Amino acid sequence: MELKAVLMDDSAIKRSLTRIAHEIIERNHGTENIVVIGIRSRGVPLAKTIAENIKNIEKHYLRKNIGLV
């Protein structure tokens, strides 16, 4: 299969996921009541990455606030 176009490279994806994490924090006024849920199978790694970004931004966010469906 021939590659037609690259929509986002690695750094663009990382920037987007970091921005999503910031928006989640901003819209919820912190991280106290946030739980990140990933839908199997591709959504789980995405949820983990977003949760890790939230943890890097807000140091007190717990990794256990991740679930999957």
Protein backbone atom coordinates (compact mmCIF):
# COMPACT_ATOMS: atom_id res chain seq x y z
CA MET A 1 0.00 0.00 0.00
CA GLU A 2 1.40 3.34 -1.05
CA LEU A 3 1.63 6.17 1.48
CA LYS A 4 -0.36 9.12 0.14
CA ALA A 5 0.26 11.80 2.75
CA VAL A 6 1.47 12.37 6.27
CA LEU A 7 -1.18 14.26 8.24
CA MET A 8 0.78 14.62 11.48
CA ASP A 9 4.32 13.67 12.33
CA ASP A 10 5.48 12.46 15.75
CA SER A 11 6.11 15.93 17.17
CA ALA A 12 2.75 17.24 15.92
CA ILE A 13 0.92 14.35 17.58
CA LYS A 14 2.78 14.94 20.87
CA ARG A 15 1.93 18.66 20.72
CA SER A 16 -1.73 17.91 20.05
CA LEU A 17 -2.00 15.42 22.92
CA THR A 18 -0.29 17.87 25.27
CA ARG A 19 -2.73 20.59 24.19
CA ILE A 20 -5.66 18.21 24.78
CA ALA A 21 -4.33 17.54 28.30
CA HIS A 22 -4.10 21.29 28.96
CA GLU A 23 -7.66 21.82 27.71
CA ILE A 24 -8.99 19.04 29.94
CA ILE A 25 -7.35 20.65 32.97
CA GLU A 26 -8.54 24.15 32.01
CA ARG A 27 -12.15 23.15 31.35
CA ASN A 28 -12.36 21.20 34.61
CA HIS A 29 -10.58 23.83 36.72
CA GLY A 30 -7.92 21.37 37.85
CA THR A 31 -7.62 17.60 38.10
CA GLU A 32 -9.54 16.72 41.24
CA ASN A 33 -12.54 15.13 39.52
CA ILE A 34 -10.96 13.88 36.30
CA VAL A 35 -10.87 10.26 35.19
CA VAL A 36 -9.54 9.44 31.73
CA ILE A 37 -11.31 6.52 30.04
CA GLY A 38 -9.97 4.71 26.98
CA ILE A 39 -12.11 2.57 24.69
CA ARG A 40 -10.41 -0.70 23.76
CA SER A 41 -8.17 -1.16 21.79
CA ARG A 42 -6.72 2.02 20.33
CA GLY A 43 -8.27 4.31 22.91
CA VAL A 44 -6.45 2.78 25.87
CA PRO A 45 -2.93 3.86 24.82
CA LEU A 46 -4.34 7.26 23.89
CA ALA A 47 -5.97 7.63 27.32
CA LYS A 48 -2.74 6.57 29.01
CA THR A 49 -0.76 9.15 27.04
CA ILE A 50 -3.23 11.93 27.85
CA ALA A 51 -3.24 10.93 31.53
CA GLU A 52 0.56 10.92 31.56
CA ASN A 53 0.56 14.41 30.03
CA ILE A 54 -1.92 15.58 32.68
CA LYS A 55 0.34 14.09 35.34
CA ASN A 56 3.35 15.96 33.91
CA ILE A 57 1.39 19.23 33.98
CA GLU A 58 -0.34 18.73 37.35
CA LYS A 59 2.12 16.82 39.52
CA HIS A 60 -0.52 15.60 42.00
CA TYR A 61 -2.68 13.84 39.36
CA LEU A 62 -2.70 10.11 40.09
CA ARG A 63 -2.07 7.49 37.43
CA LYS A 64 -4.87 5.36 38.94
CA ASN A 65 -7.42 7.81 37.47
CA ILE A 66 -7.40 5.84 34.20
CA GLY A 67 -10.06 3.35 33.15
CA LEU A 68 -10.96 1.36 30.07
CA VAL A 69 -14.13 0.22 28.41
